[in-house]
Amino acid sequence: MISWAGAATLFIADYLIIQKESPDELEVLSPSQFRPLPLTSSVDSGPDTKLLTLTVPPHMRPALLAQNSIWSVYVKDDDIQVERPYTPLEGIDENGQMKFWIKKYPKGEVGRWLHSKKPGENIEVRGPLQTWAWEQGVWDEVVMISGGTGITPFYQLLHKTIGAAGDDSSLATKFTLLHSSRVPAELPPPSILDPLKSLAESKPKNFKLHLFVDSREGPTDGSSELNVGQITKSAIVKALGTKKIKPDAKIMFIVCGPDPMLSAIAGPYGRNFSQGDVGGALKELGCTSTQVRKL
């Protein structure tokens, strides 16, 4: 999910649930109507971040979900009637749980409000709403670049694709994730990072993980896997092993993170949070607008 306030409008996309609601469906999760869900867990996971779990009762679970698309839900702050989109890490799991990694920002009303909620309280959500449609066989390579909690849509995509694949032979697309945090303590918690590391180790032909921190200041786990510095053009070149992206290459770059990071890598959003022109490092690499998606 995504906790970036600037990206909120981007998530108003094609509904994953396309049926009109009948009287029998009034309690099912809806893209257009808010539904109350119980908060069943709230756990601190790092500086100003929490892992929150909402549970969807069986009768509220939507029947039609795009299996491999990235999707989000909107959460409403009942106190000031403001909504923001967040991406559940694994979608809705077999137990009906939606798990979110959410950061609290000084000026982020909904994030602060969510951090204040206690297990047992209800949270109003609407969705699911499609963020980006994934189709098997369309892309030879998908490169995901994230900062902070912007990793959540990519975790969801990887969980549904590589994580669900039985063996490497069933995967036609190569995935690469470059993720950046300010310091090691702000990296995703083990419940998010460990499964990604396991995927990279078990399926190296299909998934590569590159972690970056601005500095090693503060406590670390002693990991030698961290790259110190921001994700730049040279870092992308090193990760991909190519200095130029051909216009006809079947490669997709998806970027999700704070606005300054997004602008430096892919260029800023256009008017009304449209995709805008490709800029930054990806423009220097030769990427076209069909090869870049800003979340």
Protein backbone atom coordinates (compact mmCIF):
# COMPACT_ATOMS: atom_id res chain seq x y z
CA MET A 1 0.00 0.00 0.00
CA ILE A 2 0.84 2.57 -0.32
CA SER A 3 1.28 5.30 2.13
CA TRP A 4 2.48 8.04 -0.13
CA ALA A 5 -0.08 10.83 -0.04
CA GLY A 6 1.06 12.18 -3.40
CA ALA A 7 0.16 8.93 -5.07
CA ALA A 8 -3.39 8.77 -3.80
CA THR A 9 -5.10 9.81 -7.01
CA LEU A 10 -3.17 7.21 -9.01
CA PHE A 11 -5.08 4.43 -7.37
CA ILE A 12 -8.43 5.49 -8.77
CA ALA A 13 -8.28 2.90 -11.52
CA ASP A 14 -10.26 0.06 -13.02
CA TYR A 15 -12.32 -1.71 -10.41
CA LEU A 16 -11.36 -5.26 -9.67
CA ILE A 17 -14.99 -5.84 -8.82
CA ILE A 18 -17.04 -4.89 -11.86
CA GLN A 19 -20.47 -6.16 -10.90
CA LYS A 20 -23.19 -3.83 -9.68
CA GLU A 21 -24.16 -4.49 -6.11
CA SER A 22 -27.34 -6.45 -5.52
CA PRO A 23 -29.13 -6.55 -2.15
CA ASP A 24 -27.29 -9.79 -1.38
CA GLU A 25 -23.93 -8.14 -2.00
CA LEU A 26 -24.32 -5.05 0.16
CA GLU A 27 -21.90 -6.35 2.78
CA VAL A 28 -19.21 -7.50 0.33
CA LEU A 29 -16.15 -5.26 0.08
CA SER A 30 -16.90 -2.61 -2.51
CA PRO A 31 -14.73 -0.20 -4.53
CA SER A 32 -17.39 2.50 -4.17
CA GLN A 33 -18.72 2.02 -0.63
CA PHE A 34 -16.85 1.95 2.68
CA ARG A 35 -17.22 -1.17 4.80
CA PRO A 36 -16.12 -1.58 8.46
CA LEU A 37 -13.44 -4.21 9.13
CA PRO A 38 -12.00 -5.14 12.54
CA LEU A 39 -8.38 -4.33 13.30
CA THR A 40 -7.06 -7.62 14.67
CA SER A 41 -3.37 -6.77 15.13
CA SER A 42 -1.17 -3.69 15.48
CA VAL A 43 2.55 -4.31 15.95
CA ASP A 44 5.44 -1.82 16.00
CA SER A 45 7.91 -2.69 13.24
CA GLY A 46 10.48 0.11 13.28
CA PRO A 47 10.78 3.89 13.55
CA ASP A 48 7.26 5.28 13.01
CA THR A 49 6.06 2.11 11.25
CA LYS A 50 3.55 -0.56 12.18
CA LEU A 51 2.30 -3.84 10.79
CA LEU A 52 -1.49 -3.69 10.88
CA THR A 53 -3.87 -6.56 10.16
CA LEU A 54 -7.52 -6.22 9.16
CA THR A 55 -9.70 -9.32 8.97
CA VAL A 56 -12.33 -9.72 6.26
CA PRO A 57 -15.20 -12.03 7.33
CA PRO A 58 -16.05 -14.77 4.79
CA HIS A 59 -19.32 -13.12 3.68
CA MET A 60 -17.46 -9.88 2.87
CA ARG A 61 -14.72 -11.34 0.69
CA PRO A 62 -15.06 -10.31 -2.97
CA ALA A 63 -15.53 -13.09 -5.49
CA LEU A 64 -13.64 -11.43 -8.33
CA LEU A 65 -10.03 -10.50 -7.74
CA ALA A 66 -7.34 -10.07 -10.39
CA GLN A 67 -5.04 -12.85 -9.28
CA ASN A 68 -1.73 -11.28 -10.27
CA SER A 69 -2.56 -7.58 -10.45
CA ILE A 70 -1.42 -5.13 -7.81
CA TRP A 71 -4.40 -3.78 -5.92
CA SER A 72 -5.07 -1.52 -2.97
CA VAL A 73 -7.87 -0.39 -0.69
CA TYR A 74 -8.76 3.08 0.53
CA VAL A 75 -8.85 3.65 4.28
CA LYS A 76 -10.99 6.44 5.72
CA ASP A 77 -10.12 8.48 8.78
CA ASP A 78 -13.54 8.80 10.40
CA ASP A 79 -12.47 11.80 12.46
CA ILE A 80 -11.74 14.14 9.54
CA GLN A 81 -13.27 12.18 6.63
CA VAL A 82 -10.02 11.84 4.68
CA GLU A 83 -9.10 8.70 2.72
CA ARG A 84 -5.76 7.29 1.59
CA PRO A 85 -4.81 4.16 -0.39
CA TYR A 86 -2.82 1.31 1.13
CA THR A 87 -1.63 -1.94 -0.42
CA PRO A 88 -2.14 -5.19 1.52
CA LEU A 89 1.09 -7.17 1.47
CA GLU A 90 -0.44 -10.50 0.47
CA GLY A 91 -3.86 -9.35 -0.68
CA ILE A 92 -6.53 -11.23 1.25
CA ASP A 93 -5.04 -14.47 2.54
CA GLU A 94 -6.81 -17.78 3.17
CA ASN A 95 -7.77 -16.59 6.65
CA GLY A 96 -9.32 -13.40 5.32
CA GLN A 97 -6.49 -11.25 6.65
CA MET A 98 -5.14 -8.12 4.98
CA LYS A 99 -1.73 -7.14 6.33
CA PHE A 100 -0.33 -3.64 5.86
CA TRP A 101 3.02 -2.00 6.56
CA ILE A 102 2.20 1.62 7.32
CA LYS A 103 4.39 4.57 8.24
CA LYS A 104 3.28 7.50 10.36
CA TYR A 105 4.25 10.88 8.89
CA PRO A 106 4.07 14.22 10.75
CA LYS A 107 1.61 15.58 8.17
CA GLY A 108 -0.01 12.27 7.23
CA GLU A 109 -3.48 12.39 8.78
CA VAL A 110 -4.61 8.86 7.95
CA GLY A 111 -1.31 7.21 8.86
CA ARG A 112 -1.27 8.90 12.27
CA TRP A 113 -4.90 7.95 12.81
CA LEU A 114 -4.23 4.29 11.92
CA HIS A 115 -1.27 4.16 14.31
CA SER A 116 -3.59 5.29 17.11
CA LYS A 117 -6.15 2.53 16.57
CA LYS A 118 -6.28 -0.50 18.86
CA PRO A 119 -7.12 -4.15 18.05
CA GLY A 120 -10.87 -4.62 18.22
CA GLU A 121 -11.68 -1.25 16.70
CA ASN A 122 -13.23 -1.02 13.24
CA ILE A 123 -11.52 0.54 10.23
CA GLU A 124 -13.58 1.60 7.22
CA VAL A 125 -12.20 0.57 3.83
CA ARG A 126 -13.34 0.51 0.23
CA GLY A 127 -11.85 -1.59 -2.53
CA PRO A 128 -10.17 -3.51 -3.93
CA LEU A 129 -8.95 -1.13 -6.63
CA GLN A 130 -6.45 -2.13 -9.29
CA THR A 131 -3.12 -0.31 -9.20
CA TRP A 132 -1.24 -2.07 -11.99
CA ALA A 133 -2.30 -4.98 -14.17
CA TRP A 134 0.18 -7.83 -14.50
CA GLU A 135 -0.12 -10.25 -17.41
CA GLN A 136 2.04 -13.32 -17.85
CA GLY A 137 4.16 -13.20 -20.99
CA VAL A 138 3.87 -9.46 -21.69
CA TRP A 139 7.22 -8.45 -20.16
CA ASP A 140 10.58 -10.17 -20.33
CA GLU A 141 11.70 -8.20 -17.29
CA VAL A 142 10.01 -6.15 -14.56
CA VAL A 143 12.23 -3.80 -12.56
CA MET A 144 10.73 -2.47 -9.33
CA ILE A 145 12.30 0.51 -7.58
CA SER A 146 10.96 1.49 -4.16
CA GLY A 147 11.65 3.63 -1.13
CA GLY A 148 10.32 3.13 2.40
CA THR A 149 6.83 1.64 2.56
CA GLY A 150 6.65 1.98 -1.22
CA ILE A 151 7.85 -1.62 -1.28
CA THR A 152 4.35 -2.91 -0.40
CA PRO A 153 2.86 -3.13 -3.93
CA PHE A 154 5.97 -4.96 -5.12
CA TYR A 155 5.80 -7.42 -2.24
CA GLN A 156 2.20 -8.15 -3.20
CA LEU A 157 3.13 -8.71 -6.86
CA LEU A 158 6.06 -10.98 -6.02
CA HIS A 159 3.97 -12.94 -3.54
CA LYS A 160 1.37 -13.63 -6.23
CA THR A 161 3.79 -14.41 -9.06
CA ILE A 162 7.17 -15.84 -8.05
CA GLY A 163 6.02 -16.80 -4.57
CA ALA A 164 3.12 -18.80 -5.97
CA ALA A 165 5.08 -20.45 -8.80
CA GLY A 166 5.97 -24.06 -8.26
CA ASP A 167 9.28 -23.98 -10.14
CA ASP A 168 11.43 -21.70 -12.28
CA SER A 169 10.26 -23.27 -15.55
CA SER A 170 6.77 -21.77 -15.14
CA LEU A 171 8.13 -18.21 -14.92
CA ALA A 172 8.73 -16.36 -18.17
CA THR A 173 9.56 -13.00 -16.61
CA LYS A 174 12.63 -11.91 -14.68
CA PHE A 175 11.99 -9.64 -11.67
CA THR A 176 14.46 -7.23 -10.08
CA LEU A 177 13.76 -5.18 -6.96
CA LEU A 178 15.90 -2.23 -5.88
CA HIS A 179 14.75 -0.95 -2.50
CA SER A 180 16.06 2.01 -0.53
CA SER A 181 15.66 3.17 3.08
CA ARG A 182 17.33 6.03 4.91
CA VAL A 183 19.14 3.86 7.48
CA PRO A 184 19.18 0.10 8.23
CA ALA A 185 16.68 0.47 11.09
CA GLU A 186 14.11 1.78 8.59
CA LEU A 187 14.37 -1.20 6.24
CA PRO A 188 11.29 -3.44 6.03
CA PRO A 189 10.85 -5.73 9.05
CA PRO A 190 11.94 -9.39 8.87
CA SER A 191 8.38 -10.53 8.11
CA ILE A 192 8.67 -8.64 4.80
CA LEU A 193 12.38 -8.79 4.05
CA ASP A 194 13.09 -12.43 4.92
CA PRO A 195 10.60 -13.89 2.39
CA LEU A 196 12.10 -11.67 -0.31
CA LYS A 197 15.61 -12.82 0.55
CA SER A 198 14.44 -16.43 0.46
CA LEU A 199 12.91 -15.92 -2.98
CA ALA A 200 16.15 -14.39 -4.27
CA GLU A 201 18.12 -17.36 -2.91
CA SER A 202 15.76 -20.08 -4.11
CA LYS A 203 14.97 -18.61 -7.54
CA PRO A 204 18.04 -16.60 -8.59
CA LYS A 205 17.20 -16.87 -12.29
CA ASN A 206 13.88 -15.15 -11.77
CA PHE A 207 14.38 -12.69 -8.94
CA LYS A 208 17.19 -10.44 -7.77
CA LEU A 209 17.04 -8.22 -4.68
CA HIS A 210 19.22 -5.14 -4.14
CA LEU A 211 18.97 -3.20 -0.86
CA PHE A 212 20.21 0.36 -0.39
CA VAL A 213 20.59 2.67 2.60
CA ASP A 214 21.63 6.32 2.57
CA SER A 215 24.02 5.55 5.42
CA ARG A 216 24.82 2.71 7.83
CA GLU A 217 24.16 4.99 10.80
CA GLY A 218 22.55 3.27 13.77
CA PRO A 219 22.08 -0.42 14.58
CA THR A 220 22.30 -3.01 11.83
CA ASP A 221 22.03 -6.77 11.62
CA GLY A 222 25.58 -6.89 10.30
CA SER A 223 24.39 -7.65 6.81
CA SER A 224 26.96 -7.22 4.07
CA GLU A 225 24.20 -7.15 1.46
CA LEU A 226 23.49 -3.44 1.90
CA ASN A 227 24.59 -0.93 -0.73
CA VAL A 228 25.37 2.45 0.80
CA GLY A 229 24.03 5.34 -1.24
CA GLN A 230 20.89 6.28 -3.10
CA ILE A 231 19.46 4.42 -6.08
CA THR A 232 21.00 6.24 -9.03
CA LYS A 233 21.41 5.63 -12.74
CA SER A 234 24.72 3.88 -12.11
CA ALA A 235 23.11 1.66 -9.46
CA ILE A 236 20.38 0.66 -11.92
CA VAL A 237 22.96 -0.03 -14.64
CA LYS A 238 24.97 -2.20 -12.26
CA ALA A 239 21.89 -4.14 -11.15
CA LEU A 240 20.68 -4.78 -14.70
CA GLY A 241 24.03 -5.18 -16.42
CA THR A 242 23.10 -2.82 -19.26
CA LYS A 243 23.88 0.82 -19.95
CA LYS A 244 20.98 1.54 -22.31
CA ILE A 245 17.36 0.42 -22.61
CA LYS A 246 16.21 -0.17 -26.18
CA PRO A 247 12.83 1.38 -27.09
CA ASP A 248 11.48 -2.00 -28.19
CA ALA A 249 12.74 -3.90 -25.14
CA LYS A 250 9.99 -5.77 -23.28
CA ILE A 251 10.98 -4.29 -19.94
CA MET A 252 8.83 -2.44 -17.42
CA PHE A 253 10.14 -0.14 -14.68
CA ILE A 254 7.72 0.48 -11.81
CA VAL A 255 8.65 3.12 -9.25
CA CYS A 256 7.00 3.74 -5.87
CA GLY A 257 8.37 5.94 -3.13
CA PRO A 258 8.64 9.50 -1.79
CA ASP A 259 8.15 12.22 -4.38
CA PRO A 260 11.82 13.36 -4.42
CA MET A 261 12.97 9.79 -5.07
CA LEU A 262 10.34 9.20 -7.74
CA SER A 263 11.28 12.43 -9.52
CA ALA A 264 15.00 11.59 -9.47
CA ILE A 265 14.43 8.14 -10.91
CA ALA A 266 11.45 8.51 -13.25
CA GLY A 267 10.52 12.18 -13.34
CA PRO A 268 7.65 13.86 -11.45
CA TYR A 269 3.97 13.17 -11.90
CA GLY A 270 2.09 15.18 -14.50
CA ARG A 271 -0.91 17.38 -13.85
CA ASN A 272 -3.52 15.86 -11.51
CA PHE A 273 -1.09 13.03 -10.70
CA SER A 274 -1.07 11.69 -14.24
CA GLN A 275 2.00 9.71 -15.28
CA GLY A 276 3.70 12.72 -16.86
CA ASP A 277 6.85 12.50 -18.97
CA VAL A 278 9.64 10.07 -18.23
CA GLY A 279 12.52 11.89 -16.56
CA GLY A 280 15.42 11.35 -14.20
CA ALA A 281 17.65 8.31 -14.37
CA LEU A 282 15.24 6.27 -16.48
CA LYS A 283 15.11 8.95 -19.16
CA GLU A 284 18.91 8.96 -19.25
CA LEU A 285 18.80 5.19 -19.74
CA GLY A 286 16.57 5.65 -22.78
CA CYS A 287 13.27 4.40 -21.34
CA THR A 288 10.04 5.32 -23.10
CA SER A 289 6.69 6.12 -21.49
CA THR A 290 5.45 2.59 -22.25
CA GLN A 291 8.32 1.17 -20.20
CA VAL A 292 7.77 3.23 -17.04
CA ARG A 293 4.97 3.27 -14.48
CA LYS A 294 4.85 5.59 -11.47
CA LEU A 295 2.77 4.39 -8.51
